[in-house]
Amino acid sequence: MSKLKIDKKSKASISKYLIYGAVIAVLLSVAGWMGRDIWLASTQWLLIAAVLTLFGIYLKLV
């Protein structure tokens, strides 16, 4: 099995998009908290935000 090679510039941009996705997930969580669940419950959006943030930080460090 071969490893996927990604250069540092691509990792930085992917990391940035993952963090943006986490911010959007938090905003969707707030919208769900205010009474309108969008596809998932508020706590599920927060879990998605946490996972996206962790992957974003991981790519930034690697």
PDB file of N, CA and C in Angstrom:
ATOM      1  N   MET A   1       0.850  -1.170   0.000  1.00  0.00           N
ATOM      2  CA  MET A   1       0.000   0.000   0.000  1.00  0.00           C
ATOM      3  C   MET A   1       0.900   1.239   0.000  1.00  0.00           C
ATOM      4  N   SER A   2       0.660   2.130  -0.937  1.00  0.00           N
ATOM      5  CA  SER A   2       1.492   3.331  -1.031  1.00  0.00           C
ATOM      6  C   SER A   2       0.864   4.483  -0.250  1.00  0.00           C
ATOM      7  N   LYS A   3       1.731   5.347   0.266  1.00  0.00           N
ATOM      8  CA  LYS A   3       1.257   6.508   1.011  1.00  0.00           C
ATOM      9  C   LYS A   3       0.903   7.633   0.054  1.00  0.00           C
ATOM     10  N   LEU A   4      -0.067   8.408   0.427  1.00  0.00           N
ATOM     11  CA  LEU A   4      -0.460   9.564  -0.346  1.00  0.00           C
ATOM     12  C   LEU A   4       0.449  10.724   0.029  1.00  0.00           C
ATOM     13  N   LYS A   5       1.135  11.285  -0.935  1.00  0.00           N
ATOM     14  CA  LYS A   5       2.064  12.387  -0.680  1.00  0.00           C
ATOM     15  C   LYS A   5       1.356  13.717  -0.913  1.00  0.00           C
ATOM     16  N   ILE A   6       1.352  14.561   0.120  1.00  0.00           N
ATOM     17  CA  ILE A   6       0.757  15.889   0.026  1.00  0.00           C
ATOM     18  C   ILE A   6       1.819  16.888   0.456  1.00  0.00           C
ATOM     19  N   ASP A   7       2.049  17.907  -0.368  1.00  0.00           N
ATOM     20  CA  ASP A   7       3.065  18.893  -0.014  1.00  0.00           C
ATOM     21  C   ASP A   7       2.547  19.826   1.083  1.00  0.00           C
ATOM     22  N   LYS A   8       3.488  20.596   1.685  1.00  0.00           N
ATOM     23  CA  LYS A   8       3.143  21.446   2.824  1.00  0.00           C
ATOM     24  C   LYS A   8       2.105  22.507   2.487  1.00  0.00           C
ATOM     25  N   LYS A   9       2.174  23.055   1.291  1.00  0.00           N
ATOM     26  CA  LYS A   9       1.224  24.095   0.903  1.00  0.00           C
ATOM     27  C   LYS A   9      -0.192  23.534   0.821  1.00  0.00           C
ATOM     28  N   SER A  10      -0.329  22.339   0.287  1.00  0.00           N
ATOM     29  CA  SER A  10      -1.646  21.701   0.210  1.00  0.00           C
ATOM     30  C   SER A  10      -2.170  21.360   1.595  1.00  0.00           C
ATOM     31  N   LYS A  11      -1.283  20.891   2.478  1.00  0.00           N
ATOM     32  CA  LYS A  11      -1.699  20.587   3.841  1.00  0.00           C
ATOM     33  C   LYS A  11      -2.194  21.832   4.549  1.00  0.00           C
ATOM     34  N   ALA A  12      -1.521  22.954   4.336  1.00  0.00           N
ATOM     35  CA  ALA A  12      -1.927  24.203   4.977  1.00  0.00           C
ATOM     36  C   ALA A  12      -3.292  24.654   4.480  1.00  0.00           C
ATOM     37  N   SER A  13      -3.540  24.520   3.187  1.00  0.00           N
ATOM     38  CA  SER A  13      -4.835  24.949   2.662  1.00  0.00           C
ATOM     39  C   SER A  13      -5.950  23.998   3.097  1.00  0.00           C
ATOM     40  N   ILE A  14      -5.672  22.700   3.128  1.00  0.00           N
ATOM     41  CA  ILE A  14      -6.668  21.744   3.605  1.00  0.00           C
ATOM     42  C   ILE A  14      -6.982  22.002   5.078  1.00  0.00           C
ATOM     43  N   SER A  15      -5.951  22.292   5.855  1.00  0.00           N
ATOM     44  CA  SER A  15      -6.135  22.595   7.268  1.00  0.00           C
ATOM     45  C   SER A  15      -7.016  23.825   7.456  1.00  0.00           C
ATOM     46  N   LYS A  16      -6.780  24.843   6.636  1.00  0.00           N
ATOM     47  CA  LYS A  16      -7.584  26.062   6.719  1.00  0.00           C
ATOM     48  C   LYS A  16      -9.045  25.775   6.409  1.00  0.00           C
ATOM     49  N   TYR A  17      -9.316  24.960   5.385  1.00  0.00           N
ATOM     50  CA  TYR A  17     -10.684  24.631   5.024  1.00  0.00           C
ATOM     51  C   TYR A  17     -11.364  23.779   6.094  1.00  0.00           C
ATOM     52  N   LEU A  18     -10.610  22.910   6.749  1.00  0.00           N
ATOM     53  CA  LEU A  18     -11.179  22.126   7.839  1.00  0.00           C
ATOM     54  C   LEU A  18     -11.581  23.017   9.010  1.00  0.00           C
ATOM     55  N   ILE A  19     -10.765  24.014   9.322  1.00  0.00           N
ATOM     56  CA  ILE A  19     -11.103  24.948  10.393  1.00  0.00           C
ATOM     57  C   ILE A  19     -12.328  25.768  10.004  1.00  0.00           C
ATOM     58  N   TYR A  20     -12.406  26.207   8.749  1.00  0.00           N
ATOM     59  CA  TYR A  20     -13.600  26.924   8.284  1.00  0.00           C
ATOM     60  C   TYR A  20     -14.845  26.037   8.409  1.00  0.00           C
ATOM     61  N   GLY A  21     -14.703  24.768   8.075  1.00  0.00           N
ATOM     62  CA  GLY A  21     -15.810  23.830   8.224  1.00  0.00           C
ATOM     63  C   GLY A  21     -16.231  23.680   9.680  1.00  0.00           C
ATOM     64  N   ALA A  22     -15.251  23.710  10.594  1.00  0.00           N
ATOM     65  CA  ALA A  22     -15.570  23.627  12.015  1.00  0.00           C
ATOM     66  C   ALA A  22     -16.347  24.856  12.471  1.00  0.00           C
ATOM     67  N   VAL A  23     -15.981  26.021  11.961  1.00  0.00           N
ATOM     68  CA  VAL A  23     -16.705  27.248  12.314  1.00  0.00           C
ATOM     69  C   VAL A  23     -18.139  27.173  11.803  1.00  0.00           C
ATOM     70  N   ILE A  24     -18.309  26.678  10.593  1.00  0.00           N
ATOM     71  CA  ILE A  24     -19.658  26.528  10.036  1.00  0.00           C
ATOM     72  C   ILE A  24     -20.469  25.534  10.868  1.00  0.00           C
ATOM     73  N   ALA A  25     -19.826  24.442  11.316  1.00  0.00           N
ATOM     74  CA  ALA A  25     -20.522  23.460  12.142  1.00  0.00           C
ATOM     75  C   ALA A  25     -20.958  24.073  13.471  1.00  0.00           C
ATOM     76  N   VAL A  26     -20.131  24.940  14.045  1.00  0.00           N
ATOM     77  CA  VAL A  26     -20.517  25.615  15.291  1.00  0.00           C
ATOM     78  C   VAL A  26     -21.694  26.550  15.037  1.00  0.00           C
ATOM     79  N   LEU A  27     -21.674  27.252  13.919  1.00  0.00           N
ATOM     80  CA  LEU A  27     -22.800  28.131  13.597  1.00  0.00           C
ATOM     81  C   LEU A  27     -24.092  27.339  13.399  1.00  0.00           C
ATOM     82  N   LEU A  28     -23.999  26.173  12.776  1.00  0.00           N
ATOM     83  CA  LEU A  28     -25.179  25.312  12.621  1.00  0.00           C
ATOM     84  C   LEU A  28     -25.648  24.785  13.973  1.00  0.00           C
ATOM     85  N   SER A  29     -24.703  24.563  14.874  1.00  0.00           N
ATOM     86  CA  SER A  29     -25.059  24.148  16.227  1.00  0.00           C
ATOM     87  C   SER A  29     -25.815  25.253  16.953  1.00  0.00           C
ATOM     88  N   VAL A  30     -25.373  26.480  16.789  1.00  0.00           N
ATOM     89  CA  VAL A  30     -26.069  27.617  17.401  1.00  0.00           C
ATOM     90  C   VAL A  30     -27.472  27.749  16.818  1.00  0.00           C
ATOM     91  N   ALA A  31     -27.596  27.558  15.518  1.00  0.00           N
ATOM     92  CA  ALA A  31     -28.918  27.620  14.886  1.00  0.00           C
ATOM     93  C   ALA A  31     -29.827  26.531  15.448  1.00  0.00           C
ATOM     94  N   GLY A  32     -29.280  25.349  15.680  1.00  0.00           N
ATOM     95  CA  GLY A  32     -30.071  24.278  16.282  1.00  0.00           C
ATOM     96  C   GLY A  32     -30.439  24.579  17.720  1.00  0.00           C
ATOM     97  N   TRP A  33     -29.548  25.217  18.451  1.00  0.00           N
ATOM     98  CA  TRP A  33     -29.824  25.599  19.837  1.00  0.00           C
ATOM     99  C   TRP A  33     -30.948  26.624  19.912  1.00  0.00           C
ATOM    100  N   MET A  34     -31.033  27.468  18.898  1.00  0.00           N
ATOM    101  CA  MET A  34     -32.073  28.484  18.870  1.00  0.00           C
ATOM    102  C   MET A  34     -33.429  27.902  18.453  1.00  0.00           C
ATOM    103  N   GLY A  35     -33.471  26.639  18.066  1.00  0.00           N
ATOM    104  CA  GLY A  35     -34.752  26.009  17.825  1.00  0.00           C
ATOM    105  C   GLY A  35     -34.943  25.397  16.462  1.00  0.00           C
ATOM    106  N   ARG A  36     -34.032  25.583  15.554  1.00  0.00           N
ATOM    107  CA  ARG A  36     -34.199  25.020  14.208  1.00  0.00           C
ATOM    108  C   ARG A  36     -33.036  24.082  13.913  1.00  0.00           C
ATOM    109  N   ASP A  37     -33.269  22.779  14.114  1.00  0.00           N
ATOM    110  CA  ASP A  37     -32.229  21.793  13.808  1.00  0.00           C
ATOM    111  C   ASP A  37     -32.082  21.669  12.295  1.00  0.00           C
ATOM    112  N   ILE A  38     -30.867  21.765  11.845  1.00  0.00           N
ATOM    113  CA  ILE A  38     -30.574  21.638  10.426  1.00  0.00           C
ATOM    114  C   ILE A  38     -29.861  20.305  10.227  1.00  0.00           C
ATOM    115  N   TRP A  39     -30.591  19.326   9.791  1.00  0.00           N
ATOM    116  CA  TRP A  39     -30.127  17.991   9.454  1.00  0.00           C
ATOM    117  C   TRP A  39     -29.660  17.188  10.671  1.00  0.00           C
ATOM    118  N   LEU A  40     -28.867  17.776  11.571  1.00  0.00           N
ATOM    119  CA  LEU A  40     -28.386  17.095  12.771  1.00  0.00           C
ATOM    120  C   LEU A  40     -28.753  17.906  14.006  1.00  0.00           C
ATOM    121  N   ALA A  41     -28.646  17.282  15.160  1.00  0.00           N
ATOM    122  CA  ALA A  41     -28.887  17.987  16.416  1.00  0.00           C
ATOM    123  C   ALA A  41     -27.668  18.861  16.753  1.00  0.00           C
ATOM    124  N   SER A  42     -27.862  19.783  17.685  1.00  0.00           N
ATOM    125  CA  SER A  42     -26.804  20.734  18.044  1.00  0.00           C
ATOM    126  C   SER A  42     -25.549  20.030  18.558  1.00  0.00           C
ATOM    127  N   THR A  43     -25.734  19.024  19.403  1.00  0.00           N
ATOM    128  CA  THR A  43     -24.567  18.332  19.954  1.00  0.00           C
ATOM    129  C   THR A  43     -23.807  17.569  18.873  1.00  0.00           C
ATOM    130  N   GLN A  44     -24.514  17.067  17.889  1.00  0.00           N
ATOM    131  CA  GLN A  44     -23.839  16.371  16.799  1.00  0.00           C
ATOM    132  C   GLN A  44     -23.009  17.348  15.966  1.00  0.00           C
ATOM    133  N   TRP A  45     -23.521  18.563  15.755  1.00  0.00           N
ATOM    134  CA  TRP A  45     -22.745  19.572  15.036  1.00  0.00           C
ATOM    135  C   TRP A  45     -21.489  19.941  15.815  1.00  0.00           C
ATOM    136  N   LEU A  46     -21.595  19.997  17.156  1.00  0.00           N
ATOM    137  CA  LEU A  46     -20.416  20.300  17.967  1.00  0.00           C
ATOM    138  C   LEU A  46     -19.378  19.182  17.878  1.00  0.00           C
ATOM    139  N   LEU A  47     -19.840  17.934  17.814  1.00  0.00           N
ATOM    140  CA  LEU A  47     -18.903  16.821  17.640  1.00  0.00           C
ATOM    141  C   LEU A  47     -18.200  16.888  16.286  1.00  0.00           C
ATOM    142  N   ILE A  48     -18.931  17.233  15.262  1.00  0.00           N
ATOM    143  CA  ILE A  48     -18.327  17.389  13.936  1.00  0.00           C
ATOM    144  C   ILE A  48     -17.305  18.517  13.954  1.00  0.00           C
ATOM    145  N   ALA A  49     -17.639  19.625  14.631  1.00  0.00           N
ATOM    146  CA  ALA A  49     -16.707  20.750  14.736  1.00  0.00           C
ATOM    147  C   ALA A  49     -15.429  20.320  15.447  1.00  0.00           C
ATOM    148  N   ALA A  50     -15.567  19.524  16.499  1.00  0.00           N
ATOM    149  CA  ALA A  50     -14.386  19.063  17.236  1.00  0.00           C
ATOM    150  C   ALA A  50     -13.499  18.170  16.365  1.00  0.00           C
ATOM    151  N   VAL A  51     -14.111  17.262  15.621  1.00  0.00           N
ATOM    152  CA  VAL A  51     -13.334  16.362  14.760  1.00  0.00           C
ATOM    153  C   VAL A  51     -12.638  17.142  13.642  1.00  0.00           C
ATOM    154  N   LEU A  52     -13.354  18.072  13.012  1.00  0.00           N
ATOM    155  CA  LEU A  52     -12.740  18.879  11.951  1.00  0.00           C
ATOM    156  C   LEU A  52     -11.586  19.713  12.492  1.00  0.00           C
ATOM    157  N   THR A  53     -11.753  20.253  13.695  1.00  0.00           N
ATOM    158  CA  THR A  53     -10.680  21.039  14.309  1.00  0.00           C
ATOM    159  C   THR A  53      -9.458  20.177  14.591  1.00  0.00           C
ATOM    160  N   LEU A  54      -9.683  18.973  15.131  1.00  0.00           N
ATOM    161  CA  LEU A  54      -8.556  18.085  15.420  1.00  0.00           C
ATOM    162  C   LEU A  54      -7.804  17.700  14.154  1.00  0.00           C
ATOM    163  N   PHE A  55      -8.525  17.362  13.087  1.00  0.00           N
ATOM    164  CA  PHE A  55      -7.858  17.038  11.831  1.00  0.00           C
ATOM    165  C   PHE A  55      -7.130  18.247  11.258  1.00  0.00           C
ATOM    166  N   GLY A  56      -7.728  19.441  11.395  1.00  0.00           N
ATOM    167  CA  GLY A  56      -7.075  20.661  10.923  1.00  0.00           C
ATOM    168  C   GLY A  56      -5.781  20.943  11.652  1.00  0.00           C
ATOM    169  N   ILE A  57      -5.804  20.779  12.969  1.00  0.00           N
ATOM    170  CA  ILE A  57      -4.585  20.990  13.762  1.00  0.00           C
ATOM    171  C   ILE A  57      -3.538  19.921  13.426  1.00  0.00           C
ATOM    172  N   TYR A  58      -3.968  18.692  13.260  1.00  0.00           N
ATOM    173  CA  TYR A  58      -3.053  17.616  12.917  1.00  0.00           C
ATOM    174  C   TYR A  58      -2.331  17.895  11.596  1.00  0.00           C
ATOM    175  N   LEU A  59      -3.096  18.319  10.584  1.00  0.00           N
ATOM    176  CA  LEU A  59      -2.472  18.623   9.285  1.00  0.00           C
ATOM    177  C   LEU A  59      -1.529  19.809   9.376  1.00  0.00           C
ATOM    178  N   LYS A  60      -1.852  20.747  10.256  1.00  0.00           N
ATOM    179  CA  LYS A  60      -0.986  21.920  10.422  1.00  0.00           C
ATOM    180  C   LYS A  60       0.365  21.513  11.040  1.00  0.00           C
ATOM    181  N   LEU A  61       0.329  20.524  11.955  1.00  0.00           N
ATOM    182  CA  LEU A  61       1.545  20.103  12.649  1.00  0.00           C
ATOM    183  C   LEU A  61       2.396  19.132  11.850  1.00  0.00           C
ATOM    184  N   VAL A  62       1.777  18.366  10.961  1.00  0.00           N
ATOM    185  CA  VAL A  62       2.510  17.330  10.224  1.00  0.00           C
ATOM    186  C   VAL A  62       3.228  17.892   9.053  1.00  0.00           C
TER     187      VAL A  62
END
